[in-house]
Protein backbone atom coordinates (compact mmCIF):
# COMPACT_ATOMS: atom_id res chain seq x y z
CA MET A 1 -13.07 -11.61 2.76
CA PRO A 2 -13.56 -10.53 -0.84
CA SER A 3 -10.27 -10.75 -2.71
CA GLN A 4 -8.12 -8.03 -4.21
CA ILE A 5 -9.89 -7.53 -7.55
CA SER A 6 -13.36 -7.33 -5.97
CA HIS A 7 -12.13 -4.59 -3.64
CA ALA A 8 -10.63 -2.62 -6.52
CA VAL A 9 -13.77 -2.99 -8.67
CA PHE A 10 -15.88 -1.99 -5.68
CA GLY A 11 -13.75 1.10 -5.06
CA LYS A 12 -14.00 2.08 -8.72
CA ALA A 13 -17.80 1.77 -8.60
CA VAL A 14 -17.91 3.88 -5.43
CA SER A 15 -15.66 6.53 -6.98
CA LYS A 16 -18.18 7.01 -9.80
CA LYS A 17 -20.93 7.84 -7.32
CA ILE A 18 -19.20 10.34 -5.07
CA HIS A 19 -18.92 14.12 -5.54
CA PHE A 20 -15.14 13.94 -5.51
CA LEU A 21 -12.52 13.04 -8.09
CA ILE A 22 -9.92 10.43 -7.15
CA PHE A 23 -6.50 11.96 -7.64
CA ASP A 24 -4.31 8.86 -7.99
CA ASP A 25 -5.70 5.50 -9.18
CA ALA A 26 -2.75 3.36 -8.03
CA TRP A 27 -2.82 4.77 -4.49
CA PHE A 28 -6.61 4.45 -4.42
CA ASN A 29 -6.51 0.82 -5.60
CA LEU A 30 -3.98 -0.08 -2.90
CA GLY A 31 -6.07 1.77 -0.33
CA CYS A 32 -9.08 -0.35 -1.34
CA GLN A 33 -7.14 -3.38 -0.07
CA GLY A 34 -7.51 -1.93 3.45
CA PRO A 35 -5.81 -3.89 6.25
CA ASP A 36 -5.39 -6.89 3.93
CA LEU A 37 -2.06 -5.13 3.38
CA PHE A 38 -1.12 -6.47 6.83
CA LEU A 39 -2.67 -9.92 6.36
CA HIS A 40 -0.28 -10.73 3.50
CA ASN A 41 2.66 -10.15 5.85
CA GLN A 42 3.38 -13.84 6.49
CA ARG A 43 6.87 -14.01 5.06
CA THR A 44 9.00 -11.25 6.58
CA LYS A 45 9.54 -10.70 10.30
CA PRO A 46 8.67 -8.77 12.36
CA SER A 47 5.16 -9.07 10.96
CA ALA A 48 2.16 -6.74 11.01
CA LEU A 49 -0.20 -9.72 10.60
CA PRO A 50 -1.65 -9.43 14.14
CA TRP A 51 -2.54 -5.80 13.48
CA GLY A 52 -4.39 -6.77 10.30
CA ARG A 53 -6.42 -9.33 12.23
CA GLN A 54 -7.10 -6.81 15.00
CA VAL A 55 -8.44 -4.14 12.62
CA HIS A 56 -10.62 -6.74 10.90
CA ARG A 57 -12.13 -7.84 14.20
CA LYS A 58 -13.09 -4.44 15.58
CA GLY A 59 -12.26 -0.77 15.46
CA TYR A 60 -12.13 -0.20 11.70
CA GLY A 61 -13.97 3.11 11.96
CA THR A 62 -11.61 4.32 14.67
CA TYR A 63 -8.53 3.31 12.70
CA SER A 64 -9.84 5.01 9.55
CA ALA A 65 -10.54 8.19 11.54
CA LEU A 66 -6.95 8.15 12.81
CA LEU A 67 -5.69 7.76 9.23
CA ILE A 68 -7.76 10.79 8.24
CA GLN A 69 -6.35 12.74 11.17
CA ALA A 70 -2.81 11.81 10.09
CA LEU A 71 -3.66 12.74 6.50
CA ILE A 72 -4.90 16.23 7.35
CA SER A 73 -2.32 16.96 10.04
CA GLY A 74 0.33 16.06 7.47
CA GLU A 75 -1.14 18.71 5.19
CA PHE A 76 -1.80 16.25 2.37
CA GLY A 77 -5.54 16.80 2.01
CA TRP A 78 -7.96 14.66 0.02
CA GLN A 79 -6.71 15.79 -3.38
CA SER A 80 -3.37 14.07 -3.06
CA SER A 81 -2.07 10.54 -3.55
CA GLU A 82 -2.30 10.05 0.21
CA GLY A 83 -5.91 11.29 0.14
CA SER A 84 -6.74 8.81 -2.63
CA TYR A 85 -5.27 5.98 -0.54
CA THR A 86 -7.29 6.98 2.52
CA ALA A 87 -10.52 7.22 0.50
CA GLY A 88 -9.91 3.72 -0.86
CA PHE A 89 -9.16 2.42 2.63
CA ILE A 90 -12.58 3.58 3.85
CA THR A 91 -14.40 1.59 1.12
CA HIS A 92 -12.79 -1.68 2.22
CA ALA A 93 -14.88 -2.10 5.35
CA VAL A 94 -18.23 -1.80 3.59
CA LEU A 95 -17.56 -4.55 1.03
CA ASP A 96 -16.19 -6.88 3.71
CA ARG A 97 -19.14 -6.45 6.06
CA THR A 98 -21.69 -6.69 3.27
CA THR A 99 -20.37 -9.83 1.56
CA HIS A 100 -18.23 -11.82 3.98
CA PRO A 101 -21.18 -13.69 5.55
CA PHE A 102 -22.20 -14.72 1.99
CA ILE A 103 -18.67 -15.97 1.24
CA THR A 104 -18.41 -17.88 4.52
CA TYR A 105 -21.82 -19.54 4.00
CA PHE A 106 -20.98 -20.75 0.50
CA SER A 107 -17.40 -21.80 1.27
CA GLY A 108 -17.78 -23.30 4.74
CA TRP A 109 -14.95 -23.88 7.19
CA GLY A 110 -13.11 -26.69 8.95
CA PRO A 111 -10.99 -29.59 7.65
CA ASN A 112 -13.51 -30.68 4.99
CA CYS A 113 -13.50 -27.23 3.41
CA ARG A 114 -9.83 -26.34 3.46
CA PHE A 115 -8.88 -23.74 0.88
CA TYR A 116 -12.52 -23.23 -0.20
CA HIS A 117 -12.71 -19.74 1.27
CA PRO A 118 -9.79 -18.14 -0.63
CA PHE A 119 -10.73 -20.12 -3.74
CA LEU A 120 -14.30 -18.83 -3.71
CA GLU A 121 -13.01 -15.30 -3.21
CA ARG A 122 -10.98 -15.57 -6.40
CA LEU A 123 -13.81 -17.15 -8.32
CA LEU A 124 -15.96 -14.21 -7.25
CA ASP A 125 -13.24 -11.89 -8.58
CA THR A 126 -13.58 -13.61 -11.96
CA ALA A 127 -17.37 -13.67 -11.98
CA LEU A 128 -17.51 -10.02 -10.93
CA SER A 129 -15.10 -9.06 -13.70
CA GLU A 130 -17.37 -10.84 -16.20
CA SER A 131 -20.45 -9.09 -14.83
CA TYR A 132 -18.81 -5.69 -15.20
CA SER A 133 -17.23 -6.52 -18.60
CA LEU A 134 -13.68 -6.14 -17.29
CA SER A 135 -10.53 -7.93 -18.42
CA LYS A 136 -10.26 -11.54 -17.29
CA PRO A 137 -8.17 -12.02 -14.15
CA GLY A 138 -4.84 -13.61 -14.93
CA THR A 139 -4.70 -12.03 -18.40
CA VAL A 140 -3.82 -8.50 -17.29
CA SER A 141 -1.63 -7.48 -14.36
CA PHE A 142 -3.49 -6.50 -11.21
CA TYR A 143 -0.15 -6.10 -9.46
CA GLU A 144 0.72 -3.15 -11.69
CA THR A 145 -2.47 -1.33 -10.69
CA VAL A 146 -1.43 -1.22 -7.01
CA ASN A 147 2.35 -1.13 -7.25
CA LEU A 148 3.69 2.06 -5.66
CA GLY A 149 7.33 1.16 -6.11
CA ARG A 150 9.97 -1.16 -4.71
CA CYS A 151 9.55 0.28 -1.21
CA ILE A 152 6.50 1.69 0.49
CA PRO A 153 6.33 5.47 -0.07
CA HIS A 154 7.58 7.37 2.95
CA SER A 155 4.38 9.41 3.30
CA LEU A 156 2.19 6.28 3.34
CA LEU A 157 4.50 4.64 5.86
CA ASN A 158 4.11 7.69 8.10
CA LEU A 159 0.30 7.71 7.79
CA HIS A 160 0.03 4.13 9.05
CA ALA A 161 2.71 4.60 11.70
CA ILE A 162 0.90 7.61 13.18
CA ALA A 163 -2.49 5.90 13.08
CA LEU A 164 -1.18 2.65 14.58
CA GLN A 165 0.63 4.45 17.38
CA SER A 166 -2.73 5.86 18.53
CA PHE A 167 -4.81 2.77 17.72
CA LEU A 168 -2.77 0.03 19.36
CA LYS A 169 -3.18 -0.43 23.09
CA LYS A 170 0.46 -1.39 23.46
CA SER A 171 3.08 1.29 22.87
CA TYR A 172 5.77 0.46 20.30
CA PRO A 173 8.85 2.42 19.23
CA ASP A 174 8.11 4.38 16.07
CA ASP A 175 10.88 2.69 14.10
CA TYR A 176 9.52 -0.74 15.03
CA ILE A 177 6.02 0.12 13.79
CA LYS A 178 7.46 1.43 10.54
CA LEU A 179 9.55 -1.70 10.06
CA ARG A 180 6.48 -3.92 10.41
CA VAL A 181 4.41 -1.76 8.03
CA SER A 182 7.28 -1.75 5.53
CA ASN A 183 7.48 -5.55 5.77
CA ALA A 184 3.75 -5.76 5.19
CA TYR A 185 4.01 -3.69 2.01
CA ASP A 186 6.94 -5.79 0.75
CA ASP A 187 5.09 -9.06 1.40
CA THR A 188 1.88 -7.78 -0.18
CA MET A 189 3.71 -6.79 -3.35
CA HIS A 190 5.51 -10.14 -3.36
CA PHE A 191 2.23 -12.05 -2.96
CA LEU A 192 0.36 -10.05 -5.62
CA LYS A 193 3.20 -10.38 -8.10
CA LYS A 194 3.58 -14.13 -7.55
CA THR A 195 -0.17 -14.76 -8.04
CA ASP A 196 -0.66 -12.13 -10.73
CA LEU A 197 -0.44 -13.65 -14.21
CA TRP A 198 -0.64 -17.21 -15.48
CA ASP A 199 2.72 -18.93 -15.67
CA THR A 200 2.89 -22.49 -16.99
CA LYS A 201 6.17 -23.20 -15.22
CA VAL A 202 4.80 -22.04 -11.85
CA MET A 203 1.67 -24.18 -12.23
CA ASN A 204 3.70 -27.25 -13.13
CA GLU A 205 5.85 -26.67 -10.05
CA ILE A 206 2.77 -26.37 -7.84
CA VAL A 207 1.22 -29.67 -8.93
CA SER A 208 4.60 -31.37 -8.62
CA LEU A 209 4.84 -30.66 -4.90
CA GLU A 210 4.90 -33.73 -2.67
CA SER A 211 2.31 -32.25 -0.33
CA LEU A 212 -1.26 -32.39 -1.68
CA HIS A 213 -2.20 -29.92 1.07
CA GLN A 214 0.31 -27.39 -0.24
CA THR A 215 -0.71 -27.94 -3.87
CA LEU A 216 -4.40 -27.32 -3.22
CA TYR A 217 -3.64 -24.32 -1.03
CA LEU A 218 -1.50 -22.68 -3.71
CA LEU A 219 -4.01 -23.45 -6.47
CA SER A 220 -6.71 -21.72 -4.41
CA LEU A 221 -4.75 -18.44 -4.57
CA PHE A 222 -4.80 -18.09 -8.35
CA HIS A 223 -7.58 -16.70 -10.55
CA LEU A 224 -9.30 -18.68 -13.27
CA PRO A 225 -10.14 -16.93 -16.55
CA ARG A 226 -13.77 -18.01 -16.14
CA VAL A 227 -16.00 -19.85 -13.69
CA PRO A 228 -17.43 -23.21 -14.84
CA ALA A 229 -21.16 -23.24 -15.45
CA TYR A 230 -21.92 -25.75 -12.70
CA LEU A 231 -20.80 -23.31 -9.98
CA ASP A 232 -23.23 -20.47 -9.27
CA VAL A 233 -20.73 -18.49 -7.22
CA LEU A 234 -22.78 -15.28 -7.55
CA ASN A 235 -25.98 -17.00 -6.38
CA SER A 236 -27.75 -15.75 -9.49
CA ALA A 237 -30.37 -18.46 -8.91
CA LYS A 238 -31.30 -16.69 -5.66
CA ARG A 239 -30.88 -19.66 -3.35
CA GLU A 240 -31.70 -18.90 0.25
CA TRP A 241 -28.67 -18.66 2.47
CA LYS A 242 -28.15 -17.89 6.16
CA HIS A 243 -25.87 -15.58 8.05
CA PRO A 244 -23.24 -18.01 9.40
CA TRP A 245 -22.91 -16.22 12.75
CA LYS A 246 -26.63 -15.46 13.07
CA PRO A 247 -28.57 -18.23 11.27
CA GLU A 248 -31.93 -16.68 12.12
CA ILE A 249 -31.06 -14.06 9.48
CA SER A 250 -31.60 -15.42 5.98
CA SER A 251 -31.40 -13.92 2.52
CA LYS A 252 -31.77 -14.74 -1.16
CA ALA A 253 -29.54 -11.90 -2.27
CA SER A 254 -26.97 -12.55 -4.96
CA PHE A 255 -23.39 -11.39 -4.61
CA ILE A 256 -24.05 -8.70 -7.22
CA GLU A 257 -27.00 -7.37 -5.21
CA LEU A 258 -24.92 -7.25 -2.05
CA PHE A 259 -22.09 -5.60 -3.97
CA GLU A 260 -24.34 -2.88 -5.42
CA LYS A 261 -25.99 -2.25 -2.06
CA GLY A 262 -22.52 -1.83 -0.57
CA VAL A 263 -21.52 0.63 -3.30
CA SER A 264 -24.38 2.96 -2.34
CA ILE A 265 -23.55 2.69 1.37
CA ALA A 266 -19.84 3.35 0.83
CA ALA A 267 -20.48 6.29 -1.49
CA ASP A 268 -22.74 7.95 1.11
CA ILE A 269 -20.10 7.41 3.83
CA LEU A 270 -17.26 8.74 1.71
CA ASP A 271 -19.19 11.78 0.51
CA TYR A 272 -20.17 12.62 4.08
CA ILE A 273 -16.66 12.23 5.51
CA ILE A 274 -14.91 14.16 2.77
CA SER A 275 -17.41 17.02 2.98
CA LEU A 276 -17.01 17.00 6.77
CA THR A 277 -13.23 17.16 6.74
CA ASN A 278 -12.26 18.77 3.42
CA PRO A 279 -12.30 22.38 4.73
CA LEU A 280 -10.16 21.44 7.72
CA ASN A 281 -6.47 22.13 8.06
CA LYS A 282 -3.72 20.75 10.26
CA ASP A 283 -4.77 22.95 13.18
CA SER A 284 -8.44 21.93 13.07
CA ALA A 285 -9.96 19.38 15.40
CA ILE A 286 -10.89 16.21 13.52
CA PRO A 287 -14.29 14.81 14.63
CA LEU A 288 -12.81 11.36 15.28
CA GLU A 289 -15.81 9.85 17.06
CA GLU A 290 -18.26 11.05 14.41
CA ILE A 291 -16.12 9.61 11.61
CA ALA A 292 -15.61 6.32 13.45
CA LEU A 293 -19.34 6.01 14.04
CA ARG A 294 -20.13 6.72 10.40
CA ILE A 295 -17.69 4.08 9.10
CA GLY A 296 -18.52 1.68 11.93
CA ASN A 297 -16.44 -0.42 14.30
CA GLU A 298 -18.27 -3.69 13.71
CA SER A 299 -16.35 -6.81 12.74
CA LEU A 300 -15.43 -7.00 9.07
CA ASN A 301 -15.88 -10.78 9.29
CA THR A 302 -19.47 -10.80 10.46
CA GLY A 303 -20.81 -7.29 10.02
CA LEU A 304 -21.87 -7.54 13.67
CA PRO A 305 -20.35 -6.13 16.86
CA TYR A 306 -17.25 -8.16 17.68
CA ASP A 307 -17.91 -11.11 19.97
CA PRO A 308 -14.87 -13.32 20.68
CA SER A 309 -17.14 -16.21 21.73
CA SER A 310 -19.15 -16.18 18.49
CA VAL A 311 -18.46 -18.97 15.99
CA PRO A 312 -20.08 -19.68 12.61
CA ALA A 313 -22.90 -22.22 12.74
CA ALA A 314 -24.48 -22.29 9.27
CA SER A 315 -23.03 -23.07 5.86
CA GLU A 316 -23.76 -24.91 2.62
CA PRO A 317 -20.51 -24.99 0.64
CA LEU A 318 -20.50 -24.99 -3.14
CA ASP A 319 -18.75 -27.89 -4.88
CA LEU A 320 -15.40 -26.11 -4.78
CA GLY A 321 -13.44 -29.26 -3.98
CA ARG A 322 -14.49 -30.79 -7.29
CA LEU A 323 -13.15 -27.83 -9.22
CA LEU A 324 -9.86 -27.78 -7.30
CA GLU A 325 -9.33 -31.46 -8.09
CA GLU A 326 -10.21 -30.93 -11.76
CA LEU A 327 -7.71 -28.11 -11.94
CA ARG A 328 -5.02 -30.15 -10.23
CA PHE A 329 -5.55 -32.95 -12.73
CA SER A 330 -5.53 -30.50 -15.65
CA TYR A 331 -2.31 -28.84 -14.50
CA ALA A 332 -0.63 -32.21 -13.94
CA LYS A 333 -0.99 -33.20 -17.58
CA SER A 334 2.27 -33.19 -19.49
CA ASP A 335 0.63 -31.10 -22.22
CA PHE A 336 -0.42 -28.43 -19.70
CA THR A 337 -2.10 -25.36 -21.17
CA LYS A 338 -3.96 -22.61 -19.43
CA PRO A 339 -7.50 -23.98 -18.86
CA ASP A 340 -10.42 -21.84 -19.95
CA CYS A 341 -12.85 -23.92 -17.87
CA ALA A 342 -15.17 -24.23 -20.84
CA ASP A 343 -15.29 -28.02 -20.49
CA LEU A 344 -15.11 -28.29 -16.72
């Protein structure tokens, strides 16, 4: 999946195209992270991680419609912090479906490509920031742009709890759902803060670990200030690539082209849904099926209808392993300084 900065930049680009003003940037930015909020919940139990995987596989449109229903029935409306979060949440699916096949093709999978996928996602964050003339990742705090406080706001906790209660096939006690969502928020904030800004001490600790596996994994989760010239992570050269799950589909599109195409799609979806539901009140019937259809229930991994038997079959990974090793060597030097990748 695209990483956190790409989703926030995407949401910002979408917000400039819609006929609606975002009320609260921090809530919107966190909303743009979509169900990745649940995927970061790998530290605190009970975990919402399975729910994050479930929403990524299928049913995103349905889940988003249920969030909208909870939003309006709670009398928040679109021009509220909760409305900003929900609008951001809707954008998440479009960027995932549009770009995840690209990311999977150029990062590969399996034991020979360990850590390539998250590493490429963060390199794309950096390259995208450069393309849009934004601050370099690692030099300004992304964590602060999504931080809603030490604990998840009660209203946001309720939105997800109500939506999950209707979405999940298995019935859970309300307090149990809220505990898992709260844990997910805590772990997400912990993860984003730990990987936020460059810290020489942290990097030295990472390369000092006995496990090479753990070192490379952790290095793949941090952003570089720039991408070395030998890695065309955006596919600016327009190399042909194939859809990993449907190799008969090929493309020469760059990541930027996919990104901009997604912005137009997401803006149309958001404009339509807000105009459809904005006049409604808590007693109005929410057109759940229409909203779900408009957002789509296809897999966020493939952009195709979910098929549990489908596996990726095409890839041509970039030389990401070389860069990871160069970084590990650079960090291991006793005179460690933050690399600018100019000489890599």
